[in-house]
């Protein structure tokens, strides 16, 4: 029973876990921006907030692009992990 659960059950159970982790990453980044402003901690969140208040649009754009790239990379890694967890989701060559 243990081998069957590990082999078949865990693969199916990991897909929703990976999906939730992927979605929570964007909320984690947004939460750090808020926490860093509330507690006045140095970091990217504080930098973005100061740039918005000083209307430094170039810095806001650059920081936003960095955050978008981070979220996109996490989504890419999650999609690759889907293929490792469930071999049926791997891309097949066109016939």
Protein backbone atom coordinates (compact mmCIF):
# COMPACT_ATOMS: atom_id res chain seq x y z
CA UNK A 1 0.00 0.00 0.00
CA UNK A 2 2.80 2.42 0.83
CA UNK A 3 4.49 1.96 -2.52
CA UNK A 4 1.24 2.44 -4.43
CA UNK A 5 0.46 5.63 -2.52
CA UNK A 6 3.93 7.00 -3.09
CA UNK A 7 3.99 6.06 -6.74
CA UNK A 8 0.52 7.01 -7.86
CA UNK A 9 -1.06 9.10 -5.13
CA UNK A 10 1.78 11.53 -4.49
CA UNK A 11 2.11 12.49 -8.14
CA UNK A 12 -1.55 13.37 -8.38
CA UNK A 13 -1.50 15.15 -5.01
CA UNK A 14 1.52 17.32 -5.92
CA UNK A 15 -0.12 19.07 -8.88
CA UNK A 16 -2.53 21.22 -6.81
CA UNK A 17 0.23 21.93 -4.28
CA UNK A 18 2.50 23.23 -7.03
CA UNK A 19 -0.33 25.37 -8.40
CA UNK A 20 -1.02 26.96 -5.01
CA UNK A 21 2.69 27.62 -4.42
CA UNK A 22 2.91 29.32 -7.80
CA UNK A 23 -0.07 31.56 -7.09
CA UNK A 24 1.07 32.42 -3.57
CA UNK A 25 4.45 33.67 -4.80
CA UNK A 26 2.93 36.81 -6.34
CA UNK A 27 1.03 37.49 -3.11
CA UNK A 28 4.27 37.00 -1.17
CA UNK A 29 6.01 39.68 -3.22
CA UNK A 30 3.11 42.11 -2.79
CA UNK A 31 3.04 41.38 0.93
CA UNK A 32 6.73 42.13 1.36
CA UNK A 33 6.25 45.53 -0.25
CA UNK A 34 3.55 46.36 2.31
CA UNK A 35 5.48 44.94 5.29
CA UNK A 36 8.65 46.81 4.39
CA UNK A 37 6.70 50.06 4.26
CA UNK A 38 4.87 49.48 7.53
CA UNK A 39 8.01 48.60 9.49
CA UNK A 40 10.26 50.98 7.54
CA UNK A 41 12.69 48.25 6.49
CA UNK A 42 15.15 48.80 3.66
CA UNK A 43 14.57 46.75 0.55
CA UNK A 44 12.87 46.63 -2.80
CA UNK A 45 9.44 47.35 -1.34
CA UNK A 46 10.62 50.50 0.41
CA UNK A 47 12.48 51.54 -2.74
CA UNK A 48 9.33 51.20 -4.86
CA UNK A 49 7.25 53.11 -2.33
CA UNK A 50 9.77 55.98 -2.15
CA UNK A 51 10.02 56.07 -5.95
CA UNK A 52 6.23 56.33 -6.25
CA UNK A 53 6.04 59.10 -3.66
CA UNK A 54 8.84 61.02 -5.40
CA UNK A 55 7.34 60.33 -8.84
CA UNK A 56 10.48 58.63 -10.11
CA UNK A 57 8.82 56.79 -12.98
CA UNK A 58 12.04 55.29 -14.36
CA UNK A 59 12.78 53.58 -11.04
CA UNK A 60 9.18 52.42 -10.67
CA UNK A 61 9.32 50.91 -14.16
CA UNK A 62 12.62 49.18 -13.50
CA UNK A 63 11.51 47.72 -10.17
CA UNK A 64 8.22 46.58 -11.70
CA UNK A 65 10.07 44.81 -14.50
CA UNK A 66 12.29 43.05 -11.94
CA UNK A 67 9.21 41.84 -10.05
CA UNK A 68 7.50 40.71 -13.28
CA UNK A 69 10.59 38.75 -14.30
CA UNK A 70 10.72 37.08 -10.86
CA UNK A 71 7.07 36.02 -11.05
CA UNK A 72 7.49 34.81 -14.64
CA UNK A 73 10.52 32.71 -13.72
CA UNK A 74 8.62 31.13 -10.84
CA UNK A 75 5.76 30.29 -13.22
CA UNK A 76 8.22 28.75 -15.68
CA UNK A 77 9.84 26.64 -12.96
CA UNK A 78 6.42 25.50 -11.78
CA UNK A 79 5.43 24.47 -15.31
CA UNK A 80 8.67 22.51 -15.64
CA UNK A 81 7.97 20.86 -12.28
CA UNK A 82 4.55 19.78 -13.60
CA UNK A 83 6.36 17.77 -16.28
CA UNK A 84 8.60 16.13 -13.69
CA UNK A 85 5.69 15.23 -11.43
CA UNK A 86 3.31 14.00 -14.11
CA UNK A 87 4.97 12.55 -17.24
CA UNK A 88 1.66 12.73 -19.15
CA UNK A 89 1.93 16.53 -19.17
CA UNK A 90 5.28 16.55 -20.98
CA UNK A 91 5.34 17.97 -24.49
CA UNK A 92 5.25 15.41 -27.26
CA UNK A 93 6.82 15.88 -30.66
CA UNK A 94 4.41 16.82 -33.41
CA UNK A 95 3.45 13.95 -35.65
